[in-house]
């Protein structure tokens, strides 16, 4: 019997061919996905340079840091590494990977009352955005910590990662590159919003009152502390600021003072600077916000000189 007429041999040949095609597609997409600079993670990982100030945080940093105003006032180069909907594990991973190929003078971490709440953020760890970068040791390390055995499958089974997240990465990125899709963030990495205050959100919080169940995440706290330790090992000073919030929301957050106390005490114990703006007039004017915890473009512009003043004071003390 001809070998190619043997069903088992035919099946093996078919499997080998399919795996070869999948492996080829995976390699090609690993090269093409990072070219989509409209995706903030790809933009961050593409940098290799020197920055005087690197901002790290969630959407409150992404939308609330006026990079140009801060660069002008601080008199140095600024990059905003803030990402939408990210908690401390992903922030740590991005910062650590960024510091492998960039020099930073001062790290400025944005924190907020929701940062340690396990019930906050719908999808707090966007592993799919980082899958093309599993060759970076810290990315592989943190993805393994957060997703366990799935790392090996994503890393060694051809095309699996792009098949599993086919609506988020892979072909969509290629379409973006071909179509010339532009990023929603500016050259500093910020996405300032021209939006008015969302009164409905405040009313919803008032209606819920203290019924929100705050689930303190020791895991998130550990990653926050790892960012401080990472900076210490690299000899980079850290300034941590509590994101400005519209003042009326504070009365609907009975657990907030515990979270703020944790951040303040942890940062102070590490010998770093902690900043809060709860009592500033900025937080009493709803025109500065597009929702209770996010500054709009006008608010970010007004916040920039306040933050720059305190950052410069902290840098001079050091």
C-alpha atoms as a PDB file:
ATOM      1  CA  UNK A   1       0.000   0.000   0.000  1.00  0.00           C
ATOM      2  CA  UNK A   2       1.236   3.478  -0.862  1.00  0.00           C
ATOM      3  CA  UNK A   3       2.050   5.361   2.336  1.00  0.00           C
ATOM      4  CA  UNK A   4      -0.175   8.217   1.266  1.00  0.00           C
ATOM      5  CA  UNK A   5      -3.062   5.780   1.019  1.00  0.00           C
ATOM      6  CA  UNK A   6      -2.629   4.861   4.694  1.00  0.00           C
ATOM      7  CA  UNK A   7      -5.313   6.757   6.672  1.00  0.00           C
ATOM      8  CA  UNK A   8      -3.016   7.191   9.670  1.00  0.00           C
ATOM      9  CA  UNK A   9      -0.198   8.624   7.573  1.00  0.00           C
ATOM     10  CA  UNK A  10      -2.611  10.929   5.770  1.00  0.00           C
ATOM     11  CA  UNK A  11      -3.968  12.139   9.080  1.00  0.00           C
ATOM     12  CA  UNK A  12      -0.483  12.813  10.431  1.00  0.00           C
ATOM     13  CA  UNK A  13       0.514  14.677   7.274  1.00  0.00           C
ATOM     14  CA  UNK A  14      -2.652  16.752   7.486  1.00  0.00           C
ATOM     15  CA  UNK A  15      -2.005  17.612  11.150  1.00  0.00           C
ATOM     16  CA  UNK A  16       1.605  18.567  10.422  1.00  0.00           C
ATOM     17  CA  UNK A  17       0.535  20.804   7.533  1.00  0.00           C
ATOM     18  CA  UNK A  18      -2.182  22.487   9.605  1.00  0.00           C
ATOM     19  CA  UNK A  19       0.180  23.032  12.551  1.00  0.00           C
ATOM     20  CA  UNK A  20       2.767  24.436  10.160  1.00  0.00           C
ATOM     21  CA  UNK A  21       0.231  26.885   8.742  1.00  0.00           C
ATOM     22  CA  UNK A  22      -0.888  27.909  12.229  1.00  0.00           C
ATOM     23  CA  UNK A  23       2.723  28.360  13.349  1.00  0.00           C
ATOM     24  CA  UNK A  24       3.451  30.501  10.297  1.00  0.00           C
ATOM     25  CA  UNK A  25       0.355  32.642  10.918  1.00  0.00           C
ATOM     26  CA  UNK A  26       1.298  33.023  14.575  1.00  0.00           C
ATOM     27  CA  UNK A  27       4.829  34.173  13.706  1.00  0.00           C
ATOM     28  CA  UNK A  28       3.506  36.618  11.106  1.00  0.00           C
ATOM     29  CA  UNK A  29       0.938  38.074  13.517  1.00  0.00           C
ATOM     30  CA  UNK A  30       3.578  38.358  16.257  1.00  0.00           C
ATOM     31  CA  UNK A  31       5.410  40.672  13.847  1.00  0.00           C
ATOM     32  CA  UNK A  32       2.374  42.579  12.585  1.00  0.00           C
ATOM     33  CA  UNK A  33       0.365  43.172  15.783  1.00  0.00           C
ATOM     34  CA  UNK A  34       2.996  45.482  17.380  1.00  0.00           C
ATOM     35  CA  UNK A  35       2.848  47.652  14.251  1.00  0.00           C
ATOM     36  CA  UNK A  36      -0.651  48.734  15.274  1.00  0.00           C
ATOM     37  CA  UNK A  37       0.368  51.861  17.153  1.00  0.00           C
ATOM     38  CA  UNK A  38      -3.257  52.826  17.729  1.00  0.00           C
ATOM     39  CA  UNK A  39      -3.177  50.289  20.584  1.00  0.00           C
ATOM     40  CA  UNK A  40      -1.671  51.918  23.662  1.00  0.00           C
ATOM     41  CA  UNK A  41       0.212  48.814  24.841  1.00  0.00           C
ATOM     42  CA  UNK A  42       1.973  48.485  21.463  1.00  0.00           C
ATOM     43  CA  UNK A  43       2.842  52.178  21.576  1.00  0.00           C
ATOM     44  CA  UNK A  44       4.316  51.846  25.078  1.00  0.00           C
ATOM     45  CA  UNK A  45       6.431  48.796  24.253  1.00  0.00           C
ATOM     46  CA  UNK A  46       7.786  50.445  21.103  1.00  0.00           C
ATOM     47  CA  UNK A  47       9.694  53.050  23.105  1.00  0.00           C
ATOM     48  CA  UNK A  48      13.397  52.922  23.850  1.00  0.00           C
ATOM     49  CA  UNK A  49      14.665  56.197  25.239  1.00  0.00           C
ATOM     50  CA  UNK A  50      14.978  58.518  28.213  1.00  0.00           C
ATOM     51  CA  UNK A  51      12.149  60.295  30.028  1.00  0.00           C
ATOM     52  CA  UNK A  52      12.278  62.682  32.944  1.00  0.00           C
ATOM     53  CA  UNK A  53       8.808  61.699  34.175  1.00  0.00           C
ATOM     54  CA  UNK A  54       6.766  58.544  33.574  1.00  0.00           C
ATOM     55  CA  UNK A  55       3.139  58.497  34.729  1.00  0.00           C
ATOM     56  CA  UNK A  56       1.594  55.122  35.568  1.00  0.00           C
ATOM     57  CA  UNK A  57      -2.022  54.344  36.426  1.00  0.00           C
ATOM     58  CA  UNK A  58      -5.501  53.452  35.280  1.00  0.00           C
ATOM     59  CA  UNK A  59      -7.961  55.424  33.149  1.00  0.00           C
ATOM     60  CA  UNK A  60      -7.796  58.300  35.646  1.00  0.00           C
ATOM     61  CA  UNK A  61      -4.167  58.823  34.600  1.00  0.00           C
ATOM     62  CA  UNK A  62      -4.827  58.010  30.950  1.00  0.00           C
ATOM     63  CA  UNK A  63      -7.532  60.692  30.698  1.00  0.00           C
ATOM     64  CA  UNK A  64      -6.418  63.043  33.464  1.00  0.00           C
ATOM     65  CA  UNK A  65      -2.780  63.793  32.672  1.00  0.00           C
ATOM     66  CA  UNK A  66      -2.230  66.779  30.396  1.00  0.00           C
ATOM     67  CA  UNK A  67       1.142  65.749  29.035  1.00  0.00           C
ATOM     68  CA  UNK A  68       1.951  68.998  27.252  1.00  0.00           C
ATOM     69  CA  UNK A  69       1.038  71.211  30.196  1.00  0.00           C
ATOM     70  CA  UNK A  70       3.029  69.041  32.590  1.00  0.00           C
ATOM     71  CA  UNK A  71       6.016  68.803  30.274  1.00  0.00           C
ATOM     72  CA  UNK A  72       6.075  72.584  29.907  1.00  0.00           C
ATOM     73  CA  UNK A  73       5.649  73.234  33.644  1.00  0.00           C
ATOM     74  CA  UNK A  74       8.005  70.518  34.849  1.00  0.00           C
ATOM     75  CA  UNK A  75      10.586  71.437  32.255  1.00  0.00           C
ATOM     76  CA  UNK A  76      11.226  67.844  31.232  1.00  0.00           C
ATOM     77  CA  UNK A  77      10.067  65.016  29.001  1.00  0.00           C
ATOM     78  CA  UNK A  78       6.822  63.272  29.989  1.00  0.00           C
ATOM     79  CA  UNK A  79       5.271  59.955  28.995  1.00  0.00           C
ATOM     80  CA  UNK A  80       1.893  58.685  30.156  1.00  0.00           C
ATOM     81  CA  UNK A  81       1.774  54.890  30.590  1.00  0.00           C
ATOM     82  CA  UNK A  82      -1.774  54.983  31.972  1.00  0.00           C
ATOM     83  CA  UNK A  83      -4.185  52.402  30.548  1.00  0.00           C
ATOM     84  CA  UNK A  84      -7.969  52.110  30.578  1.00  0.00           C
ATOM     85  CA  UNK A  85      -9.414  49.744  33.164  1.00  0.00           C
ATOM     86  CA  UNK A  86      -6.134  48.388  34.494  1.00  0.00           C
ATOM     87  CA  UNK A  87      -5.408  47.360  38.073  1.00  0.00           C
ATOM     88  CA  UNK A  88      -1.991  47.184  39.742  1.00  0.00           C
ATOM     89  CA  UNK A  89      -0.888  43.785  38.317  1.00  0.00           C
ATOM     90  CA  UNK A  90      -1.030  45.041  34.734  1.00  0.00           C
ATOM     91  CA  UNK A  91       0.400  48.415  35.736  1.00  0.00           C
ATOM     92  CA  UNK A  92       3.364  46.681  37.356  1.00  0.00           C
ATOM     93  CA  UNK A  93       3.926  44.504  34.297  1.00  0.00           C
ATOM     94  CA  UNK A  94       3.850  47.462  31.904  1.00  0.00           C
ATOM     95  CA  UNK A  95       6.126  49.579  34.093  1.00  0.00           C
ATOM     96  CA  UNK A  96       8.654  46.777  34.603  1.00  0.00           C
ATOM     97  CA  UNK A  97       8.752  45.974  30.882  1.00  0.00           C
ATOM     98  CA  UNK A  98       9.045  49.664  30.011  1.00  0.00           C
ATOM     99  CA  UNK A  99      11.987  50.130  32.388  1.00  0.00           C
ATOM    100  CA  UNK A 100      13.854  47.288  30.681  1.00  0.00           C
ATOM    101  CA  UNK A 101      14.371  49.462  27.605  1.00  0.00           C
ATOM    102  CA  UNK A 102      13.907  53.018  28.909  1.00  0.00           C
ATOM    103  CA  UNK A 103      15.561  55.285  31.463  1.00  0.00           C
ATOM    104  CA  UNK A 104      13.201  57.245  33.725  1.00  0.00           C
ATOM    105  CA  UNK A 105      14.070  60.060  36.117  1.00  0.00           C
ATOM    106  CA  UNK A 106      10.923  60.014  38.283  1.00  0.00           C
ATOM    107  CA  UNK A 107       7.969  57.619  38.377  1.00  0.00           C
ATOM    108  CA  UNK A 108       4.583  59.162  39.183  1.00  0.00           C
ATOM    109  CA  UNK A 109       1.939  56.604  40.175  1.00  0.00           C
ATOM    110  CA  UNK A 110      -1.756  57.449  40.109  1.00  0.00           C
ATOM    111  CA  UNK A 111      -3.944  55.587  42.607  1.00  0.00           C
ATOM    112  CA  UNK A 112      -7.631  55.793  43.464  1.00  0.00           C
ATOM    113  CA  UNK A 113     -10.148  54.414  45.912  1.00  0.00           C
ATOM    114  CA  UNK A 114     -11.101  51.592  43.528  1.00  0.00           C
ATOM    115  CA  UNK A 115      -7.587  50.345  42.985  1.00  0.00           C
ATOM    116  CA  UNK A 116      -7.745  47.630  45.653  1.00  0.00           C
ATOM    117  CA  UNK A 117     -11.358  46.599  45.074  1.00  0.00           C
ATOM    118  CA  UNK A 118     -11.658  43.127  43.575  1.00  0.00           C
ATOM    119  CA  UNK A 119     -15.161  44.071  42.449  1.00  0.00           C
ATOM    120  CA  UNK A 120     -13.935  47.091  40.489  1.00  0.00           C
ATOM    121  CA  UNK A 121     -13.050  46.940  36.768  1.00  0.00           C
ATOM    122  CA  UNK A 122     -14.900  44.573  34.475  1.00  0.00           C
ATOM    123  CA  UNK A 123     -11.716  43.016  33.065  1.00  0.00           C
ATOM    124  CA  UNK A 124      -8.785  44.290  35.152  1.00  0.00           C
ATOM    125  CA  UNK A 125      -5.997  42.298  33.465  1.00  0.00           C
ATOM    126  CA  UNK A 126      -5.879  42.552  29.670  1.00  0.00           C
ATOM    127  CA  UNK A 127      -3.565  39.611  29.005  1.00  0.00           C
ATOM    128  CA  UNK A 128      -4.527  39.464  25.326  1.00  0.00           C
ATOM    129  CA  UNK A 129      -2.902  42.836  24.636  1.00  0.00           C
ATOM    130  CA  UNK A 130       0.442  41.511  25.866  1.00  0.00           C
ATOM    131  CA  UNK A 131       0.485  38.059  24.238  1.00  0.00           C
ATOM    132  CA  UNK A 132       2.761  39.152  21.348  1.00  0.00           C
ATOM    133  CA  UNK A 133       5.303  40.152  24.019  1.00  0.00           C
ATOM    134  CA  UNK A 134       5.674  36.872  25.903  1.00  0.00           C
ATOM    135  CA  UNK A 135       9.369  36.947  24.972  1.00  0.00           C
ATOM    136  CA  UNK A 136       9.736  39.722  27.547  1.00  0.00           C
ATOM    137  CA  UNK A 137      10.570  37.922  30.831  1.00  0.00           C
ATOM    138  CA  UNK A 138       8.472  40.154  33.072  1.00  0.00           C
ATOM    139  CA  UNK A 139       5.453  39.873  30.768  1.00  0.00           C
ATOM    140  CA  UNK A 140       5.680  36.076  30.769  1.00  0.00           C
ATOM    141  CA  UNK A 141       6.179  36.098  34.545  1.00  0.00           C
ATOM    142  CA  UNK A 142       3.124  38.201  35.366  1.00  0.00           C
ATOM    143  CA  UNK A 143       0.885  36.528  32.781  1.00  0.00           C
ATOM    144  CA  UNK A 144       1.844  33.179  34.345  1.00  0.00           C
ATOM    145  CA  UNK A 145       1.048  34.520  37.815  1.00  0.00           C
ATOM    146  CA  UNK A 146      -2.347  35.790  36.755  1.00  0.00           C
ATOM    147  CA  UNK A 147      -3.372  33.129  34.219  1.00  0.00           C
ATOM    148  CA  UNK A 148      -1.474  30.044  35.367  1.00  0.00           C
ATOM    149  CA  UNK A 149      -1.084  27.136  32.967  1.00  0.00           C
ATOM    150  CA  UNK A 150      -2.683  28.992  30.082  1.00  0.00           C
ATOM    151  CA  UNK A 151       0.647  30.735  29.503  1.00  0.00           C
ATOM    152  CA  UNK A 152       2.257  27.539  28.203  1.00  0.00           C
ATOM    153  CA  UNK A 153      -0.618  26.975  25.789  1.00  0.00           C
ATOM    154  CA  UNK A 154      -0.471  30.544  24.485  1.00  0.00           C
ATOM    155  CA  UNK A 155       3.286  30.361  24.148  1.00  0.00           C
ATOM    156  CA  UNK A 156       3.760  26.934  22.589  1.00  0.00           C
ATOM    157  CA  UNK A 157       0.518  25.899  20.870  1.00  0.00           C
ATOM    158  CA  UNK A 158       0.611  27.538  17.416  1.00  0.00           C
ATOM    159  CA  UNK A 159      -1.956  30.269  16.788  1.00  0.00           C
ATOM    160  CA  UNK A 160      -3.966  29.451  19.955  1.00  0.00           C
ATOM    161  CA  UNK A 161      -3.602  32.912  21.487  1.00  0.00           C
ATOM    162  CA  UNK A 162      -4.888  34.583  18.324  1.00  0.00           C
ATOM    163  CA  UNK A 163      -7.710  32.087  17.953  1.00  0.00           C
ATOM    164  CA  UNK A 164      -8.824  32.544  21.572  1.00  0.00           C
ATOM    165  CA  UNK A 165      -8.811  36.342  21.410  1.00  0.00           C
ATOM    166  CA  UNK A 166      -9.635  36.723  17.723  1.00  0.00           C
ATOM    167  CA  UNK A 167     -11.888  39.762  18.231  1.00  0.00           C
ATOM    168  CA  UNK A 168      -9.268  41.640  20.284  1.00  0.00           C
ATOM    169  CA  UNK A 169      -5.905  40.918  18.681  1.00  0.00           C
ATOM    170  CA  UNK A 170      -4.482  39.521  15.479  1.00  0.00           C
ATOM    171  CA  UNK A 171      -6.507  40.195  12.357  1.00  0.00           C
ATOM    172  CA  UNK A 172      -8.139  43.349  13.869  1.00  0.00           C
ATOM    173  CA  UNK A 173      -4.659  44.838  14.328  1.00  0.00           C
ATOM    174  CA  UNK A 174      -3.723  44.059  10.733  1.00  0.00           C
ATOM    175  CA  UNK A 175      -6.913  45.789   9.583  1.00  0.00           C
ATOM    176  CA  UNK A 176      -5.995  48.821  11.713  1.00  0.00           C
ATOM    177  CA  UNK A 177      -2.513  48.988  10.198  1.00  0.00           C
ATOM    178  CA  UNK A 178      -3.783  48.671   6.623  1.00  0.00           C
ATOM    179  CA  UNK A 179      -6.529  51.220   7.266  1.00  0.00           C
ATOM    180  CA  UNK A 180      -4.167  53.682   8.927  1.00  0.00           C
ATOM    181  CA  UNK A 181      -6.172  53.820  12.145  1.00  0.00           C
ATOM    182  CA  UNK A 182      -5.082  56.709  14.364  1.00  0.00           C
ATOM    183  CA  UNK A 183      -4.710  56.390  18.152  1.00  0.00           C
ATOM    184  CA  UNK A 184      -7.149  58.090  20.506  1.00  0.00           C
ATOM    185  CA  UNK A 185      -4.205  59.249  22.643  1.00  0.00           C
ATOM    186  CA  UNK A 186      -1.802  62.100  21.948  1.00  0.00           C
ATOM    187  CA  UNK A 187       1.989  62.112  21.581  1.00  0.00           C
ATOM    188  CA  UNK A 188       2.365  62.008  25.375  1.00  0.00           C
ATOM    189  CA  UNK A 189       0.103  58.963  25.723  1.00  0.00           C
ATOM    190  CA  UNK A 190      -2.877  60.867  27.160  1.00  0.00           C
ATOM    191  CA  UNK A 191      -6.497  60.762  26.029  1.00  0.00           C
ATOM    192  CA  UNK A 192      -8.077  63.996  27.241  1.00  0.00           C
ATOM    193  CA  UNK A 193     -11.880  63.996  27.078  1.00  0.00           C
ATOM    194  CA  UNK A 194     -14.110  66.877  25.984  1.00  0.00           C
ATOM    195  CA  UNK A 195     -17.062  65.695  28.034  1.00  0.00           C
ATOM    196  CA  UNK A 196     -19.410  67.356  30.493  1.00  0.00           C
ATOM    197  CA  UNK A 197     -20.154  65.955  33.933  1.00  0.00           C
ATOM    198  CA  UNK A 198     -22.291  62.811  34.046  1.00  0.00           C
ATOM    199  CA  UNK A 199     -24.915  63.648  36.662  1.00  0.00           C
ATOM    200  CA  UNK A 200     -26.630  60.282  36.197  1.00  0.00           C
ATOM    201  CA  UNK A 201     -23.592  58.452  37.552  1.00  0.00           C
ATOM    202  CA  UNK A 202     -23.562  60.526  40.724  1.00  0.00           C
ATOM    203  CA  UNK A 203     -27.279  59.925  41.204  1.00  0.00           C
ATOM    204  CA  UNK A 204     -26.737  56.182  40.776  1.00  0.00           C
ATOM    205  CA  UNK A 205     -24.060  56.209  43.458  1.00  0.00           C
ATOM    206  CA  UNK A 206     -26.323  58.176  45.767  1.00  0.00           C
ATOM    207  CA  UNK A 207     -29.135  55.683  45.206  1.00  0.00           C
ATOM    208  CA  UNK A 208     -26.843  52.743  45.949  1.00  0.00           C
ATOM    209  CA  UNK A 209     -25.467  54.599  48.989  1.00  0.00           C
ATOM    210  CA  UNK A 210     -23.226  52.197  50.934  1.00  0.00           C
ATOM    211  CA  UNK A 211     -24.553  48.997  49.368  1.00  0.00           C
ATOM    212  CA  UNK A 212     -21.405  48.479  47.296  1.00  0.00           C
ATOM    213  CA  UNK A 213     -19.458  45.505  48.628  1.00  0.00           C
ATOM    214  CA  UNK A 214     -15.784  46.474  48.690  1.00  0.00           C
ATOM    215  CA  UNK A 215     -13.623  43.371  48.335  1.00  0.00           C
ATOM    216  CA  UNK A 216     -10.125  44.277  49.478  1.00  0.00           C
ATOM    217  CA  UNK A 217      -7.580  42.611  47.193  1.00  0.00           C
ATOM    218  CA  UNK A 218      -4.321  41.666  48.901  1.00  0.00           C
ATOM    219  CA  UNK A 219      -3.086  40.533  45.486  1.00  0.00           C
ATOM    220  CA  UNK A 220      -3.495  44.015  44.023  1.00  0.00           C
ATOM    221  CA  UNK A 221      -1.821  45.524  47.073  1.00  0.00           C
ATOM    222  CA  UNK A 222       1.147  43.187  46.577  1.00  0.00           C
ATOM    223  CA  UNK A 223       1.598  44.353  42.985  1.00  0.00           C
ATOM    224  CA  UNK A 224       1.389  47.979  44.076  1.00  0.00           C
ATOM    225  CA  UNK A 225       4.166  47.321  46.574  1.00  0.00           C
ATOM    226  CA  UNK A 226       6.151  45.536  43.877  1.00  0.00           C
ATOM    227  CA  UNK A 227       6.093  48.751  41.832  1.00  0.00           C
ATOM    228  CA  UNK A 228       7.566  50.628  44.783  1.00  0.00           C
ATOM    229  CA  UNK A 229      10.191  47.917  45.274  1.00  0.00           C
ATOM    230  CA  UNK A 230      11.040  47.876  41.569  1.00  0.00           C
ATOM    231  CA  UNK A 231      11.657  51.620  41.641  1.00  0.00           C
ATOM    232  CA  UNK A 232      13.767  51.296  44.801  1.00  0.00           C
ATOM    233  CA  UNK A 233      15.993  48.651  43.214  1.00  0.00           C
ATOM    234  CA  UNK A 234      16.514  50.848  40.172  1.00  0.00           C
ATOM    235  CA  UNK A 235      17.123  53.948  42.274  1.00  0.00           C
ATOM    236  CA  UNK A 236      14.180  55.839  40.778  1.00  0.00           C
ATOM    237  CA  UNK A 237      12.204  58.171  43.074  1.00  0.00           C
ATOM    238  CA  UNK A 238       8.444  57.620  43.163  1.00  0.00           C
ATOM    239  CA  UNK A 239       5.638  60.110  43.704  1.00  0.00           C
ATOM    240  CA  UNK A 240       2.186  58.637  44.316  1.00  0.00           C
ATOM    241  CA  UNK A 241      -0.881  60.824  43.920  1.00  0.00           C
ATOM    242  CA  UNK A 242      -4.502  60.124  44.754  1.00  0.00           C
ATOM    243  CA  UNK A 243      -6.575  60.968  41.715  1.00  0.00           C
ATOM    244  CA  UNK A 244      -8.892  63.980  42.188  1.00  0.00           C
ATOM    245  CA  UNK A 245     -12.558  63.045  42.607  1.00  0.00           C
ATOM    246  CA  UNK A 246     -15.667  65.189  42.567  1.00  0.00           C
ATOM    247  CA  UNK A 247     -16.237  65.987  46.254  1.00  0.00           C
ATOM    248  CA  UNK A 248     -19.853  64.806  46.493  1.00  0.00           C
ATOM    249  CA  UNK A 249     -18.856  61.224  45.744  1.00  0.00           C
ATOM    250  CA  UNK A 250     -16.827  60.990  48.942  1.00  0.00           C
ATOM    251  CA  UNK A 251     -19.886  60.677  51.153  1.00  0.00           C
ATOM    252  CA  UNK A 252     -20.964  57.572  49.231  1.00  0.00           C
ATOM    253  CA  UNK A 253     -17.653  55.756  49.818  1.00  0.00           C
ATOM    254  CA  UNK A 254     -17.524  54.756  53.512  1.00  0.00           C
ATOM    255  CA  UNK A 255     -14.568  52.427  52.875  1.00  0.00           C
ATOM    256  CA  UNK A 256     -12.523  55.026  51.016  1.00  0.00           C
ATOM    257  CA  UNK A 257     -10.578  56.326  54.026  1.00  0.00           C
ATOM    258  CA  UNK A 258      -9.165  52.835  54.668  1.00  0.00           C
ATOM    259  CA  UNK A 259      -7.897  52.558  51.113  1.00  0.00           C
ATOM    260  CA  UNK A 260      -6.358  56.026  51.183  1.00  0.00           C
ATOM    261  CA  UNK A 261      -4.734  55.279  54.549  1.00  0.00           C
ATOM    262  CA  UNK A 262      -3.177  52.118  53.134  1.00  0.00           C
ATOM    263  CA  UNK A 263      -1.683  53.974  50.184  1.00  0.00           C
ATOM    264  CA  UNK A 264      -0.443  56.866  52.309  1.00  0.00           C
ATOM    265  CA  UNK A 265       1.139  54.633  54.958  1.00  0.00           C
ATOM    266  CA  UNK A 266       2.700  52.243  52.440  1.00  0.00           C
ATOM    267  CA  UNK A 267       4.188  55.025  50.344  1.00  0.00           C
ATOM    268  CA  UNK A 268       5.465  56.920  53.380  1.00  0.00           C
ATOM    269  CA  UNK A 269       7.028  53.756  54.836  1.00  0.00           C
ATOM    270  CA  UNK A 270       8.857  53.286  51.539  1.00  0.00           C
ATOM    271  CA  UNK A 271      10.326  56.770  51.907  1.00  0.00           C
ATOM    272  CA  UNK A 272       8.407  58.144  48.937  1.00  0.00           C
ATOM    273  CA  UNK A 273       5.982  61.048  48.471  1.00  0.00           C
ATOM    274  CA  UNK A 274       2.195  60.737  48.690  1.00  0.00           C
ATOM    275  CA  UNK A 275      -0.065  63.511  47.359  1.00  0.00           C
ATOM    276  CA  UNK A 276      -3.799  64.067  47.823  1.00  0.00           C
ATOM    277  CA  UNK A 277      -6.069  66.781  46.426  1.00  0.00           C
ATOM    278  CA  UNK A 278      -9.318  66.006  48.243  1.00  0.00           C
ATOM    279  CA  UNK A 279      -9.431  69.468  49.820  1.00  0.00           C
ATOM    280  CA  UNK A 280      -8.479  71.427  46.722  1.00  0.00           C
ATOM    281  CA  UNK A 281     -11.134  73.681  45.120  1.00  0.00           C
ATOM    282  CA  UNK A 282     -10.541  71.707  41.921  1.00  0.00           C
ATOM    283  CA  UNK A 283     -12.591  68.850  43.398  1.00  0.00           C
ATOM    284  CA  UNK A 284     -15.579  71.041  44.224  1.00  0.00           C
ATOM    285  CA  UNK A 285     -16.283  72.130  40.662  1.00  0.00           C
ATOM    286  CA  UNK A 286     -18.084  69.550  38.535  1.00  0.00           C
ATOM    287  CA  UNK A 287     -17.008  71.397  35.394  1.00  0.00           C
ATOM    288  CA  UNK A 288     -13.592  69.784  35.894  1.00  0.00           C
ATOM    289  CA  UNK A 289     -14.933  66.225  35.606  1.00  0.00           C
ATOM    290  CA  UNK A 290     -16.697  64.036  33.075  1.00  0.00           C
ATOM    291  CA  UNK A 291     -17.661  61.606  35.823  1.00  0.00           C
ATOM    292  CA  UNK A 292     -17.104  61.423  39.555  1.00  0.00           C
ATOM    293  CA  UNK A 293     -13.546  60.096  39.362  1.00  0.00           C
ATOM    294  CA  UNK A 294     -12.228  61.290  35.989  1.00  0.00           C
ATOM    295  CA  UNK A 295     -11.078  64.756  35.011  1.00  0.00           C
ATOM    296  CA  UNK A 296     -12.130  66.081  31.625  1.00  0.00           C
ATOM    297  CA  UNK A 297      -9.832  68.107  29.384  1.00  0.00           C
ATOM    298  CA  UNK A 298     -10.481  71.364  31.255  1.00  0.00           C
ATOM    299  CA  UNK A 299      -9.988  69.662  34.608  1.00  0.00           C
ATOM    300  CA  UNK A 300      -6.757  68.022  33.482  1.00  0.00           C
ATOM    301  CA  UNK A 301      -5.501  71.420  32.374  1.00  0.00           C
ATOM    302  CA  UNK A 302      -6.306  72.905  35.789  1.00  0.00           C
ATOM    303  CA  UNK A 303      -4.829  69.942  37.628  1.00  0.00           C
ATOM    304  CA  UNK A 304      -1.512  70.048  35.747  1.00  0.00           C
ATOM    305  CA  UNK A 305      -0.013  73.102  37.531  1.00  0.00           C
ATOM    306  CA  UNK A 306      -1.091  71.760  40.943  1.00  0.00           C
ATOM    307  CA  UNK A 307       0.539  68.405  40.325  1.00  0.00           C
ATOM    308  CA  UNK A 308       3.630  69.963  38.739  1.00  0.00           C
ATOM    309  CA  UNK A 309       4.081  72.250  41.748  1.00  0.00           C
ATOM    310  CA  UNK A 310       4.047  69.319  44.160  1.00  0.00           C
ATOM    311  CA  UNK A 311       6.176  67.081  41.957  1.00  0.00           C
ATOM    312  CA  UNK A 312       8.865  69.740  41.654  1.00  0.00           C
ATOM    313  CA  UNK A 313       8.788  70.314  45.413  1.00  0.00           C
ATOM    314  CA  UNK A 314       9.229  66.576  46.035  1.00  0.00           C
ATOM    315  CA  UNK A 315      12.048  66.290  43.497  1.00  0.00           C
ATOM    316  CA  UNK A 316      13.878  69.212  45.088  1.00  0.00           C
ATOM    317  CA  UNK A 317      13.585  67.586  48.524  1.00  0.00           C
ATOM    318  CA  UNK A 318      15.167  64.431  47.174  1.00  0.00           C
END
